[in-house]
Amino acid sequence: MKTLLIVSASFIFGGFVNSMINYDINHDVRFKKEIKQLQHEVARLNYTSNQYSYLAHSVKDRLGDSFKQNNLGGHTGEVSDLTLFDIQSSLDRIDRSIAPSIFALHQFLDDHHNKQESVNNMVGGFPVKNGWISSPFGNRIDPFTGKYGAHKGIDIAAPEGQKVLSTGTGTVVSSGYVKGYGNMVKISHANKIHTLYAHLKSISVTLGQSIQKGDIIGAVGSTGRSTGPHLHYEVIVAGNKIDPYSYITR
């Protein structure tokens, strides 16, 4: 690739300049001031080249086999009678030529990082391992009254004491005993999404606590209005309780 060729050339050029500097230091003290300036320029180029090389390798690691480097070769030629101005001009040209590529790679990596963050923060997944849906979202016969009524979440049957996991990154906005729900935890997520976990045997988080996706927030129980050990799980979007099924299958 053109940019990688430029970086390789810059390292070769930097090595040559350093060799020339060592020669001048040993043979002519009159150029000490110019040599110090030149050393500064070489250090600046090496820093820029190292930065670009790191970014290039980062992209190569992310893209895997789709990233292929062209074969390199060619005669380097001879360099003679270079002045400090010539060297500084060459360094500046190399610096300007790779700057857009460095910027583009920074943008690429930032975009990739932001997308990965969005995926990590997305609400989704099953809140209980080794559980199964015992009652879906929607209308059903109430197990206590025997009458037809709305069920605003899903029930996930699981052994008592089974760990309950947060299905997304967020903040605990409710934690404690609530009539009907029993021991309950409610978490606020991005995009006006809340998740609710009820009938817990125990609660492992506190109000205001920051939560990461997959964190343990409690244990399956049968507190509140419950006929046996299970987790009542709700997803609330902009204040409306919706069917969590599309979220738990993500």
C-alpha atoms as a PDB file:
ATOM      1  CA  MET A   1       0.000   0.000   0.000  1.00  0.00           C
ATOM      2  CA  LYS A   2       1.190   3.533  -0.807  1.00  0.00           C
ATOM      3  CA  THR A   3       0.962   4.788   2.771  1.00  0.00           C
ATOM      4  CA  LEU A   4       2.887   1.798   4.152  1.00  0.00           C
ATOM      5  CA  LEU A   5       5.584   2.354   1.478  1.00  0.00           C
ATOM      6  CA  ILE A   6       5.870   5.967   2.644  1.00  0.00           C
ATOM      7  CA  VAL A   7       6.245   4.882   6.271  1.00  0.00           C
ATOM      8  CA  SER A   8       8.875   2.281   5.349  1.00  0.00           C
ATOM      9  CA  ALA A   9      10.745   4.917   3.330  1.00  0.00           C
ATOM     10  CA  SER A  10      10.598   7.319   6.246  1.00  0.00           C
ATOM     11  CA  PHE A  11      12.181   4.767   8.577  1.00  0.00           C
ATOM     12  CA  ILE A  12      14.973   4.054   6.023  1.00  0.00           C
ATOM     13  CA  PHE A  13      15.486   7.788   5.543  1.00  0.00           C
ATOM     14  CA  GLY A  14      15.529   8.339   9.293  1.00  0.00           C
ATOM     15  CA  GLY A  15      18.173   5.614   9.689  1.00  0.00           C
ATOM     16  CA  PHE A  16      20.340   7.246   7.035  1.00  0.00           C
ATOM     17  CA  VAL A  17      20.011  10.662   8.659  1.00  0.00           C
ATOM     18  CA  ASN A  18      20.968   9.280  12.068  1.00  0.00           C
ATOM     19  CA  SER A  19      24.078   7.671  10.527  1.00  0.00           C
ATOM     20  CA  MET A  20      24.995  10.984   8.923  1.00  0.00           C
ATOM     21  CA  ILE A  21      24.474  12.781  12.234  1.00  0.00           C
ATOM     22  CA  ASN A  22      26.853  10.424  14.055  1.00  0.00           C
ATOM     23  CA  TYR A  23      29.461  11.030  11.349  1.00  0.00           C
ATOM     24  CA  ASP A  24      29.146  14.817  11.622  1.00  0.00           C
ATOM     25  CA  ILE A  25      29.369  14.810  15.408  1.00  0.00           C
ATOM     26  CA  ASN A  26      32.652  12.922  15.290  1.00  0.00           C
ATOM     27  CA  HIS A  27      34.231  14.947  12.472  1.00  0.00           C
ATOM     28  CA  ASP A  28      33.004  18.530  12.483  1.00  0.00           C
ATOM     29  CA  VAL A  29      31.879  20.434  15.590  1.00  0.00           C
ATOM     30  CA  ARG A  30      30.799  23.393  13.454  1.00  0.00           C
ATOM     31  CA  PHE A  31      27.536  21.643  12.579  1.00  0.00           C
ATOM     32  CA  LYS A  32      26.430  20.892  16.166  1.00  0.00           C
ATOM     33  CA  LYS A  33      23.624  23.438  16.090  1.00  0.00           C
ATOM     34  CA  GLU A  34      22.312  22.201  12.749  1.00  0.00           C
ATOM     35  CA  ILE A  35      22.612  18.591  13.901  1.00  0.00           C
ATOM     36  CA  LYS A  36      20.466  19.291  16.964  1.00  0.00           C
ATOM     37  CA  GLN A  37      17.788  20.757  14.710  1.00  0.00           C
ATOM     38  CA  LEU A  38      18.044  17.758  12.432  1.00  0.00           C
ATOM     39  CA  GLN A  39      17.746  15.352  15.373  1.00  0.00           C
ATOM     40  CA  HIS A  40      14.559  17.111  16.368  1.00  0.00           C
ATOM     41  CA  GLU A  41      13.174  16.679  12.853  1.00  0.00           C
ATOM     42  CA  VAL A  42      14.095  12.981  12.788  1.00  0.00           C
ATOM     43  CA  ALA A  43      12.468  12.431  16.192  1.00  0.00           C
ATOM     44  CA  ARG A  44       9.315  14.151  14.938  1.00  0.00           C
ATOM     45  CA  LEU A  45       9.198  11.961  11.832  1.00  0.00           C
ATOM     46  CA  ASN A  46       9.826   8.791  13.830  1.00  0.00           C
ATOM     47  CA  TYR A  47       7.002   9.682  16.186  1.00  0.00           C
ATOM     48  CA  THR A  48       4.617  10.285  13.288  1.00  0.00           C
ATOM     49  CA  SER A  49       5.735   7.106  11.530  1.00  0.00           C
ATOM     50  CA  ASN A  50       5.385   5.025  14.704  1.00  0.00           C
ATOM     51  CA  GLN A  51       1.905   6.407  15.211  1.00  0.00           C
ATOM     52  CA  TYR A  52       0.915   5.559  11.672  1.00  0.00           C
ATOM     53  CA  SER A  53       2.489   2.101  11.878  1.00  0.00           C
ATOM     54  CA  TYR A  54       0.542   1.363  15.072  1.00  0.00           C
ATOM     55  CA  LEU A  55      -2.712   2.445  13.464  1.00  0.00           C
ATOM     56  CA  ALA A  56      -1.988   0.464  10.311  1.00  0.00           C
ATOM     57  CA  HIS A  57      -1.327  -2.692  12.306  1.00  0.00           C
ATOM     58  CA  SER A  58      -4.505  -2.092  14.325  1.00  0.00           C
ATOM     59  CA  VAL A  59      -6.520  -1.974  11.119  1.00  0.00           C
ATOM     60  CA  LYS A  60      -4.723  -5.047   9.771  1.00  0.00           C
ATOM     61  CA  ASP A  61      -5.577  -6.975  12.957  1.00  0.00           C
ATOM     62  CA  ARG A  62      -9.229  -5.945  12.691  1.00  0.00           C
ATOM     63  CA  LEU A  63      -9.564  -6.745   8.990  1.00  0.00           C
ATOM     64  CA  GLY A  64      -7.620 -10.025   9.114  1.00  0.00           C
ATOM     65  CA  ASP A  65      -7.085 -11.756   5.786  1.00  0.00           C
ATOM     66  CA  SER A  66      -8.903  -9.000   3.904  1.00  0.00           C
ATOM     67  CA  PHE A  67      -5.850  -6.787   4.475  1.00  0.00           C
ATOM     68  CA  LYS A  68      -3.072  -7.614   1.973  1.00  0.00           C
ATOM     69  CA  GLN A  69       0.248  -5.779   1.653  1.00  0.00           C
ATOM     70  CA  ASN A  70       1.762  -5.419  -1.807  1.00  0.00           C
ATOM     71  CA  ASN A  71       5.267  -6.745  -2.461  1.00  0.00           C
ATOM     72  CA  LEU A  72       7.983  -4.181  -1.841  1.00  0.00           C
ATOM     73  CA  GLY A  73      11.264  -3.603  -3.684  1.00  0.00           C
ATOM     74  CA  GLY A  74      13.351  -1.248  -5.782  1.00  0.00           C
ATOM     75  CA  HIS A  75      16.781   0.351  -5.847  1.00  0.00           C
ATOM     76  CA  THR A  76      17.348   2.943  -3.125  1.00  0.00           C
ATOM     77  CA  GLY A  77      19.921   4.903  -5.107  1.00  0.00           C
ATOM     78  CA  GLU A  78      22.606   7.115  -3.583  1.00  0.00           C
ATOM     79  CA  VAL A  79      22.250  10.197  -1.439  1.00  0.00           C
ATOM     80  CA  SER A  80      24.887  12.895  -1.429  1.00  0.00           C
ATOM     81  CA  ASP A  81      25.399  16.595  -0.648  1.00  0.00           C
ATOM     82  CA  LEU A  82      22.188  16.873   1.381  1.00  0.00           C
ATOM     83  CA  THR A  83      21.705  20.173   3.195  1.00  0.00           C
ATOM     84  CA  LEU A  84      19.677  20.704   6.343  1.00  0.00           C
ATOM     85  CA  PHE A  85      17.081  22.527   4.252  1.00  0.00           C
ATOM     86  CA  ASP A  86      16.798  19.552   1.853  1.00  0.00           C
ATOM     87  CA  ILE A  87      16.325  17.110   4.711  1.00  0.00           C
ATOM     88  CA  GLN A  88      13.767  19.280   6.502  1.00  0.00           C
ATOM     89  CA  SER A  89      11.853  19.744   3.238  1.00  0.00           C
ATOM     90  CA  SER A  90      11.796  15.986   2.644  1.00  0.00           C
ATOM     91  CA  LEU A  91      10.598  15.335   6.167  1.00  0.00           C
ATOM     92  CA  ASP A  92       7.857  17.926   5.797  1.00  0.00           C
ATOM     93  CA  ARG A  93       6.690  16.354   2.512  1.00  0.00           C
ATOM     94  CA  ILE A  94       6.536  12.913   4.089  1.00  0.00           C
ATOM     95  CA  ASP A  95       4.739  14.331   7.114  1.00  0.00           C
ATOM     96  CA  ARG A  96       2.140  16.036   4.905  1.00  0.00           C
ATOM     97  CA  SER A  97       1.660  12.949   2.733  1.00  0.00           C
ATOM     98  CA  ILE A  98       0.850  10.595   5.611  1.00  0.00           C
ATOM     99  CA  ALA A  99      -1.185  13.054   7.715  1.00  0.00           C
ATOM    100  CA  PRO A 100      -4.489  12.462   5.810  1.00  0.00           C
ATOM    101  CA  SER A 101      -4.049   8.706   6.137  1.00  0.00           C
ATOM    102  CA  ILE A 102      -3.424   8.988   9.864  1.00  0.00           C
ATOM    103  CA  PHE A 103      -6.543  11.127  10.232  1.00  0.00           C
ATOM    104  CA  ALA A 104      -8.605   8.662   8.186  1.00  0.00           C
ATOM    105  CA  LEU A 105      -7.394   5.733  10.273  1.00  0.00           C
ATOM    106  CA  HIS A 106      -8.206   7.584  13.495  1.00  0.00           C
ATOM    107  CA  GLN A 107     -11.719   8.137  12.141  1.00  0.00           C
ATOM    108  CA  PHE A 108     -12.042   4.479  11.167  1.00  0.00           C
ATOM    109  CA  LEU A 109     -10.953   3.223  14.588  1.00  0.00           C
ATOM    110  CA  ASP A 110     -13.145   5.757  16.405  1.00  0.00           C
ATOM    111  CA  ASP A 111     -16.180   4.727  14.349  1.00  0.00           C
ATOM    112  CA  HIS A 112     -15.460   1.052  14.979  1.00  0.00           C
ATOM    113  CA  HIS A 113     -15.084   1.726  18.712  1.00  0.00           C
ATOM    114  CA  ASN A 114     -18.365   3.660  18.835  1.00  0.00           C
ATOM    115  CA  LYS A 115     -20.207   0.881  16.998  1.00  0.00           C
ATOM    116  CA  GLN A 116     -18.765  -1.699  19.377  1.00  0.00           C
ATOM    117  CA  GLU A 117     -19.853   0.424  22.335  1.00  0.00           C
ATOM    118  CA  SER A 118     -23.391   0.587  20.907  1.00  0.00           C
ATOM    119  CA  VAL A 119     -23.487  -3.201  20.606  1.00  0.00           C
ATOM    120  CA  ASN A 120     -22.173  -3.655  24.147  1.00  0.00           C
ATOM    121  CA  ASN A 121     -24.739  -1.207  25.544  1.00  0.00           C
ATOM    122  CA  MET A 122     -27.677  -2.660  23.613  1.00  0.00           C
ATOM    123  CA  VAL A 123     -30.383  -4.234  25.762  1.00  0.00           C
ATOM    124  CA  GLY A 124     -30.737  -7.890  24.882  1.00  0.00           C
ATOM    125  CA  GLY A 125     -30.209 -11.492  25.930  1.00  0.00           C
ATOM    126  CA  PHE A 126     -31.757 -13.878  28.440  1.00  0.00           C
ATOM    127  CA  PRO A 127     -31.659 -12.589  32.026  1.00  0.00           C
ATOM    128  CA  VAL A 128     -31.544 -16.076  33.574  1.00  0.00           C
ATOM    129  CA  LYS A 129     -29.328 -18.955  32.520  1.00  0.00           C
ATOM    130  CA  ASN A 130     -31.039 -22.339  32.340  1.00  0.00           C
ATOM    131  CA  GLY A 131     -34.472 -20.707  32.535  1.00  0.00           C
ATOM    132  CA  TRP A 132     -37.502 -21.120  30.281  1.00  0.00           C
ATOM    133  CA  ILE A 133     -40.520 -18.965  29.466  1.00  0.00           C
ATOM    134  CA  SER A 134     -43.439 -20.210  31.524  1.00  0.00           C
ATOM    135  CA  SER A 135     -45.862 -17.362  30.678  1.00  0.00           C
ATOM    136  CA  PRO A 136     -45.555 -15.045  27.647  1.00  0.00           C
ATOM    137  CA  PHE A 137     -46.445 -11.370  27.245  1.00  0.00           C
ATOM    138  CA  GLY A 138     -50.102 -10.532  26.577  1.00  0.00           C
ATOM    139  CA  ASN A 139     -53.547 -11.548  27.761  1.00  0.00           C
ATOM    140  CA  ARG A 140     -53.837 -14.681  29.931  1.00  0.00           C
ATOM    141  CA  ILE A 141     -55.853 -16.259  32.735  1.00  0.00           C
ATOM    142  CA  ASP A 142     -54.759 -14.713  36.032  1.00  0.00           C
ATOM    143  CA  PRO A 143     -53.486 -17.572  38.252  1.00  0.00           C
ATOM    144  CA  PHE A 144     -54.930 -15.903  41.360  1.00  0.00           C
ATOM    145  CA  THR A 145     -58.332 -14.656  40.205  1.00  0.00           C
ATOM    146  CA  GLY A 146     -59.041 -17.039  37.325  1.00  0.00           C
ATOM    147  CA  LYS A 147     -60.075 -14.080  35.202  1.00  0.00           C
ATOM    148  CA  TYR A 148     -58.742 -12.964  31.807  1.00  0.00           C
ATOM    149  CA  GLY A 149     -56.218 -10.146  32.155  1.00  0.00           C
ATOM    150  CA  ALA A 150     -53.137  -8.490  30.691  1.00  0.00           C
ATOM    151  CA  HIS A 151     -49.663  -9.777  31.495  1.00  0.00           C
ATOM    152  CA  LYS A 152     -47.224  -6.902  30.912  1.00  0.00           C
ATOM    153  CA  GLY A 153     -44.052  -8.976  30.901  1.00  0.00           C
ATOM    154  CA  ILE A 154     -42.827 -12.528  30.574  1.00  0.00           C
ATOM    155  CA  ASP A 155     -42.312 -15.096  33.318  1.00  0.00           C
ATOM    156  CA  ILE A 156     -39.107 -17.119  33.213  1.00  0.00           C
ATOM    157  CA  ALA A 157     -39.178 -20.228  35.379  1.00  0.00           C
ATOM    158  CA  ALA A 158     -35.860 -21.220  36.951  1.00  0.00           C
ATOM    159  CA  PRO A 159     -34.583 -22.879  40.131  1.00  0.00           C
ATOM    160  CA  GLU A 160     -34.788 -20.727  43.233  1.00  0.00           C
ATOM    161  CA  GLY A 161     -31.531 -18.903  43.843  1.00  0.00           C
ATOM    162  CA  GLN A 162     -30.496 -18.929  40.170  1.00  0.00           C
ATOM    163  CA  LYS A 163     -28.512 -15.775  39.294  1.00  0.00           C
ATOM    164  CA  VAL A 164     -30.409 -12.974  37.536  1.00  0.00           C
ATOM    165  CA  LEU A 165     -28.327 -10.936  35.084  1.00  0.00           C
ATOM    166  CA  SER A 166     -28.777  -7.408  33.761  1.00  0.00           C
ATOM    167  CA  THR A 167     -29.625  -7.450  30.052  1.00  0.00           C
ATOM    168  CA  GLY A 168     -27.974  -4.089  29.393  1.00  0.00           C
ATOM    169  CA  THR A 169     -25.681  -1.363  30.681  1.00  0.00           C
ATOM    170  CA  GLY A 170     -27.423   1.271  32.772  1.00  0.00           C
ATOM    171  CA  THR A 171     -28.254   2.651  36.217  1.00  0.00           C
ATOM    172  CA  VAL A 172     -30.421   1.174  38.965  1.00  0.00           C
ATOM    173  CA  VAL A 173     -33.428   3.479  39.436  1.00  0.00           C
ATOM    174  CA  SER A 174     -35.444   1.222  41.773  1.00  0.00           C
ATOM    175  CA  SER A 175     -34.347  -1.474  44.183  1.00  0.00           C
ATOM    176  CA  GLY A 176     -36.469  -2.976  46.959  1.00  0.00           C
ATOM    177  CA  TYR A 177     -39.778  -4.551  47.835  1.00  0.00           C
ATOM    178  CA  VAL A 178     -42.831  -3.460  45.803  1.00  0.00           C
ATOM    179  CA  LYS A 179     -46.347  -4.753  46.367  1.00  0.00           C
ATOM    180  CA  GLY A 180     -47.228  -7.386  43.778  1.00  0.00           C
ATOM    181  CA  TYR A 181     -43.693  -7.465  42.334  1.00  0.00           C
ATOM    182  CA  GLY A 182     -42.019  -8.529  45.594  1.00  0.00           C
ATOM    183  CA  ASN A 183     -38.285  -7.870  45.587  1.00  0.00           C
ATOM    184  CA  MET A 184     -37.751  -5.875  42.408  1.00  0.00           C
ATOM    185  CA  VAL A 185     -34.956  -4.125  40.487  1.00  0.00           C
ATOM    186  CA  LYS A 186     -35.501  -1.581  37.712  1.00  0.00           C
ATOM    187  CA  ILE A 187     -32.653  -0.396  35.487  1.00  0.00           C
ATOM    188  CA  SER A 188     -32.577   2.649  33.224  1.00  0.00           C
ATOM    189  CA  HIS A 189     -30.741   2.188  29.902  1.00  0.00           C
ATOM    190  CA  ALA A 190     -29.975   4.419  26.916  1.00  0.00           C
ATOM    191  CA  ASN A 191     -32.683   5.404  24.416  1.00  0.00           C
ATOM    192  CA  LYS A 192     -35.437   5.668  27.072  1.00  0.00           C
ATOM    193  CA  ILE A 193     -35.395   1.921  27.747  1.00  0.00           C
ATOM    194  CA  HIS A 194     -35.985   0.400  31.192  1.00  0.00           C
ATOM    195  CA  THR A 195     -35.851  -3.237  32.273  1.00  0.00           C
ATOM    196  CA  LEU A 196     -37.611  -4.633  35.334  1.00  0.00           C
ATOM    197  CA  TYR A 197     -36.800  -7.815  37.284  1.00  0.00           C
ATOM    198  CA  ALA A 198     -39.366  -8.993  39.862  1.00  0.00           C
ATOM    199  CA  HIS A 199     -40.137 -11.716  42.458  1.00  0.00           C
ATOM    200  CA  LEU A 200     -36.442 -11.894  43.381  1.00  0.00           C
ATOM    201  CA  LYS A 201     -35.332 -13.963  46.351  1.00  0.00           C
ATOM    202  CA  SER A 202     -32.542 -11.470  47.000  1.00  0.00           C
ATOM    203  CA  ILE A 203     -31.232  -8.205  45.534  1.00  0.00           C
ATOM    204  CA  SER A 204     -27.533  -7.665  44.815  1.00  0.00           C
ATOM    205  CA  VAL A 205     -27.572  -4.009  43.694  1.00  0.00           C
ATOM    206  CA  THR A 206     -28.411  -0.647  45.230  1.00  0.00           C
ATOM    207  CA  LEU A 207     -30.240   2.468  44.060  1.00  0.00           C
ATOM    208  CA  GLY A 208     -28.074   4.626  41.780  1.00  0.00           C
ATOM    209  CA  GLN A 209     -25.547   1.883  41.094  1.00  0.00           C
ATOM    210  CA  SER A 210     -24.005   1.720  37.612  1.00  0.00           C
ATOM    211  CA  ILE A 211     -24.568  -1.632  35.958  1.00  0.00           C
ATOM    212  CA  GLN A 212     -22.823  -3.372  33.088  1.00  0.00           C
ATOM    213  CA  LYS A 213     -24.528  -5.863  30.810  1.00  0.00           C
ATOM    214  CA  GLY A 214     -24.270  -9.320  32.386  1.00  0.00           C
ATOM    215  CA  ASP A 215     -23.845  -8.088  35.969  1.00  0.00           C
ATOM    216  CA  ILE A 216     -25.595 -10.108  38.688  1.00  0.00           C
ATOM    217  CA  ILE A 217     -28.470  -8.059  40.094  1.00  0.00           C
ATOM    218  CA  GLY A 218     -30.202 -10.679  42.247  1.00  0.00           C
ATOM    219  CA  ALA A 219     -31.471 -14.242  42.495  1.00  0.00           C
ATOM    220  CA  VAL A 220     -34.627 -15.993  41.298  1.00  0.00           C
ATOM    221  CA  GLY A 221     -37.302 -16.237  43.984  1.00  0.00           C
ATOM    222  CA  SER A 222     -41.025 -16.191  44.631  1.00  0.00           C
ATOM    223  CA  THR A 223     -41.601 -12.990  46.582  1.00  0.00           C
ATOM    224  CA  GLY A 224     -44.700 -10.876  46.052  1.00  0.00           C
ATOM    225  CA  ARG A 225     -47.652 -12.090  43.967  1.00  0.00           C
ATOM    226  CA  SER A 226     -46.132 -15.354  42.790  1.00  0.00           C
ATOM    227  CA  THR A 227     -47.084 -19.035  42.631  1.00  0.00           C
ATOM    228  CA  GLY A 228     -43.503 -20.376  42.547  1.00  0.00           C
ATOM    229  CA  PRO A 229     -39.878 -19.557  41.769  1.00  0.00           C
ATOM    230  CA  HIS A 230     -39.576 -17.524  38.573  1.00  0.00           C
ATOM    231  CA  LEU A 231     -38.427 -14.168  37.224  1.00  0.00           C
ATOM    232  CA  HIS A 232     -40.985 -11.656  35.987  1.00  0.00           C
ATOM    233  CA  TYR A 233     -39.164  -9.627  33.332  1.00  0.00           C
ATOM    234  CA  GLU A 234     -40.398  -6.431  31.690  1.00  0.00           C
ATOM    235  CA  VAL A 235     -39.064  -4.099  28.994  1.00  0.00           C
ATOM    236  CA  ILE A 236     -40.385  -0.522  29.044  1.00  0.00           C
ATOM    237  CA  VAL A 237     -39.687   1.788  26.083  1.00  0.00           C
ATOM    238  CA  ALA A 238     -40.554   5.488  26.475  1.00  0.00           C
ATOM    239  CA  GLY A 239     -42.954   4.573  29.282  1.00  0.00           C
ATOM    240  CA  ASN A 240     -44.734   1.770  27.386  1.00  0.00           C
ATOM    241  CA  LYS A 241     -44.430  -1.875  28.420  1.00  0.00           C
ATOM    242  CA  ILE A 242     -43.694  -3.973  25.337  1.00  0.00           C
ATOM    243  CA  ASP A 243     -43.184  -7.659  24.608  1.00  0.00           C
ATOM    244  CA  PRO A 244     -39.626  -8.500  25.796  1.00  0.00           C
ATOM    245  CA  TYR A 245     -39.364 -11.488  23.450  1.00  0.00           C
ATOM    246  CA  SER A 246     -37.657  -9.525  20.666  1.00  0.00           C
ATOM    247  CA  TYR A 247     -35.055  -8.364  23.203  1.00  0.00           C
ATOM    248  CA  ILE A 248     -34.268 -11.669  24.872  1.00  0.00           C
ATOM    249  CA  THR A 249     -33.676 -13.309  21.476  1.00  0.00           C
ATOM    250  CA  ARG A 250     -31.009 -10.754  20.444  1.00  0.00           C
END
